[in-house]
C-alpha atoms as a PDB file:
ATOM      1  CA  MET A   1      14.381 -36.129 -53.128  1.00  0.00           C
ATOM      2  CA  VAL A   2      17.916 -36.954 -54.506  1.00  0.00           C
ATOM      3  CA  PRO A   3      18.357 -35.400 -58.328  1.00  0.00           C
ATOM      4  CA  ALA A   4      18.341 -37.773 -60.854  1.00  0.00           C
ATOM      5  CA  ASP A   5      22.029 -36.792 -62.179  1.00  0.00           C
ATOM      6  CA  GLY A   6      23.263 -37.773 -59.000  1.00  0.00           C
ATOM      7  CA  SER A   7      24.472 -34.501 -57.905  1.00  0.00           C
ATOM      8  CA  HIS A   8      23.743 -33.290 -54.536  1.00  0.00           C
ATOM      9  CA  PRO A   9      20.627 -32.414 -52.977  1.00  0.00           C
ATOM     10  CA  TYR A  10      19.840 -28.557 -52.910  1.00  0.00           C
ATOM     11  CA  VAL A  11      20.455 -27.351 -49.323  1.00  0.00           C
ATOM     12  CA  VAL A  12      18.271 -24.630 -48.352  1.00  0.00           C
ATOM     13  CA  ARG A  13      19.866 -21.645 -46.818  1.00  0.00           C
ATOM     14  CA  ARG A  14      17.000 -19.803 -45.668  1.00  0.00           C
ATOM     15  CA  PRO A  15      14.210 -22.042 -44.158  1.00  0.00           C
ATOM     16  CA  SER A  16      10.424 -21.043 -44.635  1.00  0.00           C
ATOM     17  CA  GLU A  17       7.281 -20.880 -42.594  1.00  0.00           C
ATOM     18  CA  SER A  18       3.791 -21.669 -43.948  1.00  0.00           C
ATOM     19  CA  THR A  19       0.771 -19.337 -42.715  1.00  0.00           C
ATOM     20  CA  PHE A  20      -2.249 -20.165 -43.533  1.00  0.00           C
ATOM     21  CA  LEU A  21      -5.230 -17.568 -43.225  1.00  0.00           C
ATOM     22  CA  THR A  22      -8.827 -16.701 -44.953  1.00  0.00           C
ATOM     23  CA  ILE A  23      -8.904 -14.436 -47.671  1.00  0.00           C
ATOM     24  CA  ARG A  24     -12.046 -13.421 -49.203  1.00  0.00           C
ATOM     25  CA  GLY A  25     -13.691 -17.028 -48.278  1.00  0.00           C
ATOM     26  CA  LEU A  26     -10.684 -18.756 -49.427  1.00  0.00           C
ATOM     27  CA  ARG A  27      -7.894 -20.556 -47.329  1.00  0.00           C
ATOM     28  CA  TYR A  28      -4.763 -18.868 -48.395  1.00  0.00           C
ATOM     29  CA  HIS A  29      -1.442 -20.353 -48.014  1.00  0.00           C
ATOM     30  CA  VAL A  30       1.555 -17.583 -47.661  1.00  0.00           C
ATOM     31  CA  ARG A  31       5.096 -18.974 -47.531  1.00  0.00           C
ATOM     32  CA  ARG A  32       7.494 -16.475 -45.286  1.00  0.00           C
ATOM     33  CA  TRP A  33      11.158 -16.064 -44.960  1.00  0.00           C
ATOM     34  CA  GLY A  34      12.441 -14.035 -42.270  1.00  0.00           C
ATOM     35  CA  SER A  35      11.254 -11.718 -39.665  1.00  0.00           C
ATOM     36  CA  PRO A  36       8.353  -9.009 -39.382  1.00  0.00           C
ATOM     37  CA  GLU A  37      10.973  -7.531 -36.915  1.00  0.00           C
ATOM     38  CA  TRP A  38      13.228  -7.015 -39.966  1.00  0.00           C
ATOM     39  CA  VAL A  39      10.991  -4.833 -41.657  1.00  0.00           C
ATOM     40  CA  ARG A  40      12.171  -0.754 -41.654  1.00  0.00           C
ATOM     41  CA  PRO A  41      10.766   1.983 -43.648  1.00  0.00           C
ATOM     42  CA  GLU A  42      14.071   1.904 -45.894  1.00  0.00           C
ATOM     43  CA  SER A  43      13.331  -2.141 -45.945  1.00  0.00           C
ATOM     44  CA  PRO A  44       9.908  -3.039 -45.873  1.00  0.00           C
ATOM     45  CA  ALA A  45       8.533  -6.550 -46.613  1.00  0.00           C
ATOM     46  CA  LEU A  46       9.039  -7.739 -50.049  1.00  0.00           C
ATOM     47  CA  VAL A  47       6.355  -9.530 -51.253  1.00  0.00           C
ATOM     48  CA  MET A  48       6.837 -12.145 -53.981  1.00  0.00           C
ATOM     49  CA  LEU A  49       3.713 -13.202 -56.681  1.00  0.00           C
ATOM     50  CA  HIS A  50       4.421 -16.267 -58.797  1.00  0.00           C
ATOM     51  CA  GLY A  51       3.250 -17.172 -62.376  1.00  0.00           C
ATOM     52  CA  TRP A  52       0.724 -19.181 -64.049  1.00  0.00           C
ATOM     53  CA  MET A  53       1.162 -22.955 -62.895  1.00  0.00           C
ATOM     54  CA  ASP A  54       3.566 -22.331 -60.292  1.00  0.00           C
ATOM     55  CA  VAL A  55       4.078 -21.922 -56.435  1.00  0.00           C
ATOM     56  CA  GLY A  56       5.242 -19.306 -53.934  1.00  0.00           C
ATOM     57  CA  ALA A  57       8.157 -21.763 -53.045  1.00  0.00           C
ATOM     58  CA  SER A  58       9.484 -21.101 -56.660  1.00  0.00           C
ATOM     59  CA  PHE A  59      11.007 -18.027 -55.136  1.00  0.00           C
ATOM     60  CA  GLN A  60      13.312 -20.008 -52.446  1.00  0.00           C
ATOM     61  CA  PHE A  61      16.398 -19.892 -54.833  1.00  0.00           C
ATOM     62  CA  VAL A  62      16.386 -16.166 -54.983  1.00  0.00           C
ATOM     63  CA  VAL A  63      15.682 -15.575 -51.292  1.00  0.00           C
ATOM     64  CA  ASP A  64      18.482 -18.091 -50.622  1.00  0.00           C
ATOM     65  CA  ALA A  65      21.079 -16.022 -52.790  1.00  0.00           C
ATOM     66  CA  MET A  66      20.000 -12.797 -51.318  1.00  0.00           C
ATOM     67  CA  VAL A  67      22.983 -11.343 -49.296  1.00  0.00           C
ATOM     68  CA  SER A  68      20.939  -8.740 -46.825  1.00  0.00           C
ATOM     69  CA  PRO A  69      18.175 -10.544 -44.362  1.00  0.00           C
ATOM     70  CA  ARG A  70      14.577  -9.361 -45.473  1.00  0.00           C
ATOM     71  CA  TYR A  71      10.923 -10.272 -44.469  1.00  0.00           C
ATOM     72  CA  VAL A  72      10.005 -11.885 -47.619  1.00  0.00           C
ATOM     73  CA  LEU A  73       6.391 -13.558 -48.171  1.00  0.00           C
ATOM     74  CA  ALA A  74       5.185 -15.347 -51.288  1.00  0.00           C
ATOM     75  CA  PRO A  75       1.618 -16.424 -51.169  1.00  0.00           C
ATOM     76  CA  ASP A  76       0.222 -19.299 -53.427  1.00  0.00           C
ATOM     77  CA  TRP A  77      -2.643 -17.963 -55.675  1.00  0.00           C
ATOM     78  CA  ARG A  78      -6.323 -19.217 -55.251  1.00  0.00           C
ATOM     79  CA  GLY A  79      -6.222 -22.643 -56.840  1.00  0.00           C
ATOM     80  CA  PHE A  80      -2.224 -22.946 -56.921  1.00  0.00           C
ATOM     81  CA  GLY A  81      -0.317 -24.604 -54.482  1.00  0.00           C
ATOM     82  CA  LEU A  82      -1.976 -24.995 -50.942  1.00  0.00           C
ATOM     83  CA  SER A  83      -4.110 -22.279 -51.484  1.00  0.00           C
ATOM     84  CA  GLN A  84      -7.779 -23.318 -51.803  1.00  0.00           C
ATOM     85  CA  ALA A  85      -9.531 -23.659 -55.126  1.00  0.00           C
ATOM     86  CA  ALA A  86     -12.258 -21.111 -55.962  1.00  0.00           C
ATOM     87  CA  SER A  87     -15.439 -22.726 -55.879  1.00  0.00           C
ATOM     88  CA  SER A  88     -16.111 -21.647 -59.715  1.00  0.00           C
ATOM     89  CA  ASP A  89     -15.513 -23.174 -63.104  1.00  0.00           C
ATOM     90  CA  SER A  90     -13.016 -20.676 -64.233  1.00  0.00           C
ATOM     91  CA  TYR A  91     -11.040 -17.787 -62.767  1.00  0.00           C
ATOM     92  CA  TRP A  92     -11.481 -14.094 -63.277  1.00  0.00           C
ATOM     93  CA  PHE A  93      -8.391 -12.130 -63.088  1.00  0.00           C
ATOM     94  CA  ALA A  94      -9.535  -9.345 -61.366  1.00  0.00           C
ATOM     95  CA  ASP A  95      -9.636 -11.925 -58.206  1.00  0.00           C
ATOM     96  CA  TYR A  96      -6.262 -11.930 -57.932  1.00  0.00           C
ATOM     97  CA  LEU A  97      -5.988  -8.087 -57.359  1.00  0.00           C
ATOM     98  CA  GLY A  98      -8.701  -8.464 -54.570  1.00  0.00           C
ATOM     99  CA  ASP A  99      -6.652 -11.379 -53.280  1.00  0.00           C
ATOM    100  CA  LEU A 100      -3.603  -9.518 -53.136  1.00  0.00           C
ATOM    101  CA  ASP A 101      -5.384  -6.561 -51.731  1.00  0.00           C
ATOM    102  CA  ALA A 102      -6.937  -8.417 -48.566  1.00  0.00           C
ATOM    103  CA  LEU A 103      -3.593 -10.396 -48.133  1.00  0.00           C
ATOM    104  CA  LEU A 104      -1.742  -6.864 -47.635  1.00  0.00           C
ATOM    105  CA  ASP A 105      -4.367  -5.581 -45.492  1.00  0.00           C
ATOM    106  CA  GLU A 106      -4.304  -8.650 -43.361  1.00  0.00           C
ATOM    107  CA  LEU A 107      -0.580  -9.486 -43.206  1.00  0.00           C
ATOM    108  CA  LEU A 108       0.852  -5.909 -43.442  1.00  0.00           C
ATOM    109  CA  PRO A 109      -1.676  -3.474 -42.661  1.00  0.00           C
ATOM    110  CA  GLY A 110      -0.594   0.212 -43.414  1.00  0.00           C
ATOM    111  CA  GLN A 111       2.519  -0.657 -44.475  1.00  0.00           C
ATOM    112  CA  GLN A 112       4.215   0.342 -47.875  1.00  0.00           C
ATOM    113  CA  VAL A 113       5.814  -2.945 -49.246  1.00  0.00           C
ATOM    114  CA  ASP A 114       8.389  -3.669 -52.213  1.00  0.00           C
ATOM    115  CA  LEU A 115       6.484  -5.719 -54.681  1.00  0.00           C
ATOM    116  CA  LEU A 116       7.783  -8.561 -56.868  1.00  0.00           C
ATOM    117  CA  GLY A 117       5.898 -10.545 -59.534  1.00  0.00           C
ATOM    118  CA  HIS A 118       6.735 -13.117 -62.241  1.00  0.00           C
ATOM    119  CA  SER A 119       4.618 -13.494 -65.724  1.00  0.00           C
ATOM    120  CA  MET A 120       1.294 -13.593 -64.450  1.00  0.00           C
ATOM    121  CA  GLY A 121       2.046 -12.407 -61.094  1.00  0.00           C
ATOM    122  CA  GLY A 122       4.044  -9.511 -62.920  1.00  0.00           C
ATOM    123  CA  ASN A 123       1.158  -8.734 -64.488  1.00  0.00           C
ATOM    124  CA  VAL A 124      -0.987  -8.590 -61.490  1.00  0.00           C
ATOM    125  CA  ALA A 125       1.738  -6.482 -59.508  1.00  0.00           C
ATOM    126  CA  MET A 126       1.721  -3.602 -62.572  1.00  0.00           C
ATOM    127  CA  LEU A 127      -1.742  -3.134 -62.483  1.00  0.00           C
ATOM    128  CA  TYR A 128      -2.106  -3.266 -58.480  1.00  0.00           C
ATOM    129  CA  ALA A 129       0.888  -0.786 -58.323  1.00  0.00           C
ATOM    130  CA  GLY A 130      -1.004   1.761 -60.463  1.00  0.00           C
ATOM    131  CA  ILE A 131      -4.163   1.075 -58.685  1.00  0.00           C
ATOM    132  CA  ARG A 132      -2.806   1.250 -54.813  1.00  0.00           C
ATOM    133  CA  PRO A 133       0.302   3.568 -55.755  1.00  0.00           C
ATOM    134  CA  GLN A 134       0.388   4.365 -51.934  1.00  0.00           C
ATOM    135  CA  ARG A 135       1.303   0.702 -50.993  1.00  0.00           C
ATOM    136  CA  ILE A 136       4.056  -0.009 -53.295  1.00  0.00           C
ATOM    137  CA  ARG A 137       8.104   1.542 -52.583  1.00  0.00           C
ATOM    138  CA  ARG A 138       9.610  -0.325 -55.320  1.00  0.00           C
ATOM    139  CA  LEU A 139       8.157  -2.432 -58.261  1.00  0.00           C
ATOM    140  CA  VAL A 140      10.077  -5.566 -59.900  1.00  0.00           C
ATOM    141  CA  ASN A 141       8.258  -7.097 -62.983  1.00  0.00           C
ATOM    142  CA  LEU A 142       9.710 -10.427 -63.931  1.00  0.00           C
ATOM    143  CA  GLU A 143       8.350 -10.998 -67.632  1.00  0.00           C
ATOM    144  CA  GLY A 144       4.978  -9.660 -66.968  1.00  0.00           C
ATOM    145  CA  PHE A 145       4.799  -8.739 -70.459  1.00  0.00           C
ATOM    146  CA  GLY A 146       0.701  -8.359 -70.354  1.00  0.00           C
ATOM    147  CA  LEU A 147      -1.326  -9.769 -73.151  1.00  0.00           C
ATOM    148  CA  PRO A 148      -2.097  -9.119 -76.860  1.00  0.00           C
ATOM    149  CA  ALA A 149      -4.490  -6.552 -77.186  1.00  0.00           C
ATOM    150  CA  SER A 150      -8.190  -7.154 -78.147  1.00  0.00           C
ATOM    151  CA  GLN A 151     -10.749  -5.450 -80.271  1.00  0.00           C
ATOM    152  CA  PRO A 152     -14.603  -5.220 -79.197  1.00  0.00           C
ATOM    153  CA  ASP A 153     -15.322  -7.277 -82.066  1.00  0.00           C
ATOM    154  CA  HIS A 154     -13.458  -9.937 -80.640  1.00  0.00           C
ATOM    155  CA  ALA A 155     -15.793 -10.481 -77.895  1.00  0.00           C
ATOM    156  CA  PRO A 156     -18.449 -12.478 -79.481  1.00  0.00           C
ATOM    157  CA  LYS A 157     -16.077 -15.319 -80.547  1.00  0.00           C
ATOM    158  CA  HIS A 158     -14.447 -14.884 -77.261  1.00  0.00           C
ATOM    159  CA  TYR A 159     -17.237 -15.533 -75.074  1.00  0.00           C
ATOM    160  CA  ALA A 160     -18.428 -18.243 -77.256  1.00  0.00           C
ATOM    161  CA  ALA A 161     -15.034 -20.235 -76.860  1.00  0.00           C
ATOM    162  CA  TRP A 162     -15.372 -19.716 -73.039  1.00  0.00           C
ATOM    163  CA  LEU A 163     -18.821 -20.850 -73.174  1.00  0.00           C
ATOM    164  CA  ASP A 164     -17.370 -24.108 -74.876  1.00  0.00           C
ATOM    165  CA  GLU A 165     -14.613 -24.280 -72.537  1.00  0.00           C
ATOM    166  CA  LEU A 166     -17.092 -24.504 -69.679  1.00  0.00           C
ATOM    167  CA  LYS A 167     -18.730 -27.691 -71.092  1.00  0.00           C
ATOM    168  CA  MET A 168     -15.407 -29.502 -71.401  1.00  0.00           C
ATOM    169  CA  PRO A 169     -13.718 -31.196 -68.463  1.00  0.00           C
ATOM    170  CA  GLN A 170     -10.326 -29.939 -67.592  1.00  0.00           C
ATOM    171  CA  SER A 171      -7.477 -32.193 -66.405  1.00  0.00           C
ATOM    172  CA  LEU A 172      -3.759 -32.057 -65.334  1.00  0.00           C
ATOM    173  CA  HIS A 173      -1.839 -34.828 -66.524  1.00  0.00           C
ATOM    174  CA  PRO A 174      -0.246 -37.048 -63.137  1.00  0.00           C
ATOM    175  CA  TYR A 175       2.976 -38.299 -62.971  1.00  0.00           C
ATOM    176  CA  PRO A 176       4.172 -41.911 -61.598  1.00  0.00           C
ATOM    177  CA  SER A 177       7.177 -40.852 -59.272  1.00  0.00           C
ATOM    178  CA  LEU A 178       8.313 -37.508 -57.835  1.00  0.00           C
ATOM    179  CA  GLU A 179      11.216 -38.041 -60.146  1.00  0.00           C
ATOM    180  CA  ALA A 180       9.074 -37.905 -63.304  1.00  0.00           C
ATOM    181  CA  VAL A 181       7.703 -34.769 -61.804  1.00  0.00           C
ATOM    182  CA  ALA A 182      11.019 -33.395 -61.495  1.00  0.00           C
ATOM    183  CA  GLN A 183      11.839 -34.174 -65.345  1.00  0.00           C
ATOM    184  CA  ARG A 184       8.786 -32.512 -66.488  1.00  0.00           C
ATOM    185  CA  LEU A 185       9.787 -29.701 -64.615  1.00  0.00           C
ATOM    186  CA  ARG A 186      13.494 -29.845 -66.889  1.00  0.00           C
ATOM    187  CA  ARG A 187      11.520 -30.149 -69.932  1.00  0.00           C
ATOM    188  CA  ASN A 188       9.679 -27.163 -69.444  1.00  0.00           C
ATOM    189  CA  ASN A 189      12.760 -25.316 -68.728  1.00  0.00           C
ATOM    190  CA  PRO A 190      16.088 -27.047 -69.855  1.00  0.00           C
ATOM    191  CA  LEU A 191      18.105 -24.304 -67.801  1.00  0.00           C
ATOM    192  CA  LEU A 192      16.900 -25.815 -64.583  1.00  0.00           C
ATOM    193  CA  ARG A 193      19.319 -27.461 -62.702  1.00  0.00           C
ATOM    194  CA  PRO A 194      18.608 -31.247 -61.594  1.00  0.00           C
ATOM    195  CA  GLU A 195      19.235 -30.151 -57.836  1.00  0.00           C
ATOM    196  CA  LEU A 196      16.737 -27.236 -58.023  1.00  0.00           C
ATOM    197  CA  ALA A 197      14.195 -29.498 -60.097  1.00  0.00           C
ATOM    198  CA  ALA A 198      14.483 -32.182 -57.601  1.00  0.00           C
ATOM    199  CA  TRP A 199      13.874 -29.436 -54.805  1.00  0.00           C
ATOM    200  CA  LEU A 200      10.744 -27.793 -56.489  1.00  0.00           C
ATOM    201  CA  ALA A 201       9.042 -30.996 -57.185  1.00  0.00           C
ATOM    202  CA  PRO A 202       7.223 -31.890 -53.890  1.00  0.00           C
ATOM    203  CA  HIS A 203       6.386 -28.240 -53.845  1.00  0.00           C
ATOM    204  CA  TRP A 204       4.996 -28.076 -57.143  1.00  0.00           C
ATOM    205  CA  ALA A 205       2.600 -31.646 -56.741  1.00  0.00           C
ATOM    206  CA  ARG A 206       1.355 -33.951 -54.336  1.00  0.00           C
ATOM    207  CA  GLN A 207       1.051 -37.488 -54.035  1.00  0.00           C
ATOM    208  CA  ARG A 208      -2.460 -39.090 -54.282  1.00  0.00           C
ATOM    209  CA  ASP A 209      -3.863 -41.844 -52.451  1.00  0.00           C
ATOM    210  CA  ASP A 210      -3.050 -43.965 -55.659  1.00  0.00           C
ATOM    211  CA  GLY A 211       0.518 -43.151 -55.318  1.00  0.00           C
ATOM    212  CA  TRP A 212       0.721 -40.739 -58.485  1.00  0.00           C
ATOM    213  CA  TRP A 213       1.652 -37.530 -58.443  1.00  0.00           C
ATOM    214  CA  GLU A 214      -0.441 -34.618 -59.454  1.00  0.00           C
ATOM    215  CA  ILE A 215       0.234 -30.810 -60.136  1.00  0.00           C
ATOM    216  CA  LEU A 216      -0.655 -28.475 -57.229  1.00  0.00           C
ATOM    217  CA  ALA A 217      -3.327 -26.772 -59.455  1.00  0.00           C
ATOM    218  CA  ASP A 218      -6.699 -26.385 -60.017  1.00  0.00           C
ATOM    219  CA  PRO A 219      -7.228 -27.822 -63.619  1.00  0.00           C
ATOM    220  CA  ALA A 220      -9.814 -25.155 -64.278  1.00  0.00           C
ATOM    221  CA  HIS A 221      -6.914 -22.538 -64.666  1.00  0.00           C
ATOM    222  CA  LYS A 222      -6.619 -24.085 -68.048  1.00  0.00           C
ATOM    223  CA  ARG A 223      -9.947 -22.217 -69.216  1.00  0.00           C
ATOM    224  CA  ARG A 224      -9.479 -18.525 -70.594  1.00  0.00           C
ATOM    225  CA  HIS A 225     -10.417 -15.476 -68.985  1.00  0.00           C
ATOM    226  CA  ALA A 226     -13.890 -14.557 -69.913  1.00  0.00           C
ATOM    227  CA  VAL A 227     -13.327 -10.817 -70.080  1.00  0.00           C
ATOM    228  CA  LEU A 228     -10.890  -9.897 -72.926  1.00  0.00           C
ATOM    229  CA  TYR A 229      -7.523  -8.225 -72.101  1.00  0.00           C
ATOM    230  CA  ARG A 230      -8.417  -4.264 -72.552  1.00  0.00           C
ATOM    231  CA  LYS A 231      -4.418  -2.921 -73.230  1.00  0.00           C
ATOM    232  CA  GLU A 232      -5.677   0.657 -72.871  1.00  0.00           C
ATOM    233  CA  GLU A 233      -7.005  -0.063 -69.336  1.00  0.00           C
ATOM    234  CA  ALA A 234      -3.800  -2.022 -68.534  1.00  0.00           C
ATOM    235  CA  LEU A 235      -1.750   0.927 -69.800  1.00  0.00           C
ATOM    236  CA  ALA A 236      -4.041   3.576 -67.443  1.00  0.00           C
ATOM    237  CA  CYS A 237      -2.658   1.458 -64.334  1.00  0.00           C
ATOM    238  CA  TRP A 238       0.772   1.012 -65.560  1.00  0.00           C
ATOM    239  CA  ALA A 239       0.894   5.000 -66.101  1.00  0.00           C
ATOM    240  CA  ALA A 240      -0.485   5.495 -62.509  1.00  0.00           C
ATOM    241  CA  ILE A 241       2.798   3.436 -61.212  1.00  0.00           C
ATOM    242  CA  THR A 242       4.543   6.331 -59.132  1.00  0.00           C
ATOM    243  CA  ALA A 243       7.092   3.724 -57.754  1.00  0.00           C
ATOM    244  CA  PRO A 244      10.362   3.008 -59.188  1.00  0.00           C
ATOM    245  CA  VAL A 245      10.182   0.131 -61.294  1.00  0.00           C
ATOM    246  CA  LEU A 246      12.835  -2.727 -62.274  1.00  0.00           C
ATOM    247  CA  TRP A 247      12.196  -4.741 -65.369  1.00  0.00           C
ATOM    248  CA  VAL A 248      14.194  -7.824 -65.727  1.00  0.00           C
ATOM    249  CA  GLU A 249      14.041 -10.515 -68.381  1.00  0.00           C
ATOM    250  CA  GLY A 250      16.038 -13.449 -69.844  1.00  0.00           C
ATOM    251  CA  ASP A 251      18.000 -13.168 -72.832  1.00  0.00           C
ATOM    252  CA  ARG A 252      16.475 -16.364 -74.478  1.00  0.00           C
ATOM    253  CA  THR A 253      12.644 -15.526 -73.950  1.00  0.00           C
ATOM    254  CA  ASP A 254      10.926 -15.255 -77.310  1.00  0.00           C
ATOM    255  CA  MET A 255       7.779 -13.570 -77.261  1.00  0.00           C
ATOM    256  CA  ALA A 256       6.830 -14.674 -80.768  1.00  0.00           C
ATOM    257  CA  ARG A 257       6.576 -18.161 -79.021  1.00  0.00           C
ATOM    258  CA  TRP A 258       3.559 -17.413 -77.048  1.00  0.00           C
ATOM    259  CA  TRP A 259       1.713 -14.961 -79.150  1.00  0.00           C
ATOM    260  CA  GLY A 260       3.174 -14.946 -82.478  1.00  0.00           C
ATOM    261  CA  GLN A 261       2.615 -11.831 -84.740  1.00  0.00           C
ATOM    262  CA  ARG A 262      -0.367 -11.168 -82.491  1.00  0.00           C
ATOM    263  CA  TYR A 263       2.099  -9.067 -79.900  1.00  0.00           C
ATOM    264  CA  SER A 264       5.418  -7.955 -81.024  1.00  0.00           C
ATOM    265  CA  ARG A 265       8.250  -7.043 -79.014  1.00  0.00           C
ATOM    266  CA  ALA A 266       8.027  -3.400 -80.659  1.00  0.00           C
ATOM    267  CA  GLU A 267       4.517  -2.912 -79.075  1.00  0.00           C
ATOM    268  CA  PHE A 268       5.677  -4.208 -75.842  1.00  0.00           C
ATOM    269  CA  GLU A 269       8.579  -1.484 -75.993  1.00  0.00           C
ATOM    270  CA  GLU A 270       5.996   1.062 -76.717  1.00  0.00           C
ATOM    271  CA  ARG A 271       3.806  -0.269 -73.740  1.00  0.00           C
ATOM    272  CA  LEU A 272       6.668   0.457 -71.480  1.00  0.00           C
ATOM    273  CA  GLN A 273       7.256   3.859 -72.458  1.00  0.00           C
ATOM    274  CA  VAL A 274       4.171   4.852 -70.202  1.00  0.00           C
ATOM    275  CA  VAL A 275       6.062   3.884 -67.091  1.00  0.00           C
ATOM    276  CA  ARG A 276       7.456   6.773 -65.428  1.00  0.00           C
ATOM    277  CA  GLN A 277      10.610   5.405 -63.863  1.00  0.00           C
ATOM    278  CA  LEU A 278      12.005   2.309 -65.143  1.00  0.00           C
ATOM    279  CA  GLN A 279      15.436   0.342 -64.925  1.00  0.00           C
ATOM    280  CA  ARG A 280      16.367  -2.608 -67.215  1.00  0.00           C
ATOM    281  CA  ARG A 281      18.295  -5.758 -66.725  1.00  0.00           C
ATOM    282  CA  VAL A 282      18.756  -8.627 -68.692  1.00  0.00           C
ATOM    283  CA  LEU A 283      19.723 -12.261 -67.453  1.00  0.00           C
ATOM    284  CA  SER A 284      21.922 -14.787 -69.064  1.00  0.00           C
ATOM    285  CA  PRO A 285      21.576 -17.516 -70.226  1.00  0.00           C
ATOM    286  CA  ALA A 286      18.224 -17.393 -68.752  1.00  0.00           C
ATOM    287  CA  GLY A 287      14.368 -17.992 -70.159  1.00  0.00           C
ATOM    288  CA  HIS A 288      10.833 -17.045 -68.738  1.00  0.00           C
ATOM    289  CA  MET A 289      11.651 -18.928 -65.618  1.00  0.00           C
ATOM    290  CA  LEU A 290      14.538 -16.625 -65.023  1.00  0.00           C
ATOM    291  CA  HIS A 291      14.333 -16.690 -60.998  1.00  0.00           C
ATOM    292  CA  HIS A 292      15.180 -20.525 -61.640  1.00  0.00           C
ATOM    293  CA  ASP A 293      17.918 -20.156 -64.318  1.00  0.00           C
ATOM    294  CA  GLN A 294      19.873 -17.252 -62.534  1.00  0.00           C
ATOM    295  CA  PRO A 295      18.752 -16.913 -59.033  1.00  0.00           C
ATOM    296  CA  GLU A 296      22.170 -15.525 -57.918  1.00  0.00           C
ATOM    297  CA  ALA A 297      22.232 -12.778 -60.777  1.00  0.00           C
ATOM    298  CA  LEU A 298      18.720 -12.115 -60.098  1.00  0.00           C
ATOM    299  CA  ALA A 299      19.039 -11.480 -56.046  1.00  0.00           C
ATOM    300  CA  ALA A 300      22.185  -9.317 -56.549  1.00  0.00           C
ATOM    301  CA  HIS A 301      20.014  -6.897 -59.056  1.00  0.00           C
ATOM    302  CA  LEU A 302      17.186  -6.927 -56.893  1.00  0.00           C
ATOM    303  CA  GLU A 303      19.166  -6.113 -53.845  1.00  0.00           C
ATOM    304  CA  ALA A 304      20.905  -3.415 -55.742  1.00  0.00           C
ATOM    305  CA  PHE A 305      17.472  -2.190 -56.841  1.00  0.00           C
ATOM    306  CA  LEU A 306      15.857  -2.323 -53.252  1.00  0.00           C
ATOM    307  CA  ARG A 307      18.650  -0.305 -51.529  1.00  0.00           C
END
């Protein structure tokens, strides 16, 4: 697809291959760059976990910017991209942990990995690295902040809201053209360059029989998780991480935009104190989609950390 502004189309430097396999009863799609033959104890496979309403192809720009060859795998989470949706009317966060564990057992049995996660994927990665610390050599968290703390007395209203949502049909807005999909991506993130949006659009959406384009995501993802986020349990997992951790954020990310006063930056900084070996980097200019905004800078930080 040619970018709407007339700029040159994005040219992929490191092509990927698609693998499909059955994970916990679902047909899973995993995007792979490089070769398993490149895996060494000092350079294990790098597994990249995308965020909510995203796809594994989202990491293409970072992989292209990496100088050293690495074997990289990026699954599409259940109900996103080309992975099968769950046969359920809602999604459970623990299933992402189960899927990741099964994927590693299937594709990289008995191997340590370097694990990277963005946003929701970063939250999964942080929990998993504390649950299975022996599997993770290095951990990279791209703005996986966790969620506001909950209290037990929140449960009745939370479950009631979840039950109400189960009765409401969920849908995702369709788009008349691939150009409109790319424009939507840029509205979400004004820092996204037109040529990157044009390349990402056909990986983020597919054309229906009527000619319109739909986002590759199960609308059921819009429903809240039934179980409250338990900060104490999450931090117990964070504290059990034994791998060195790299935290990366964008200088334009504003937590208050998502959670207002329910979850402050000060509280997040307090949570980070439980992580034993922590390095931090800030990318500029960059927002929440920092792997799109500054792929070259992010790749440089990744390679330095993973070495």
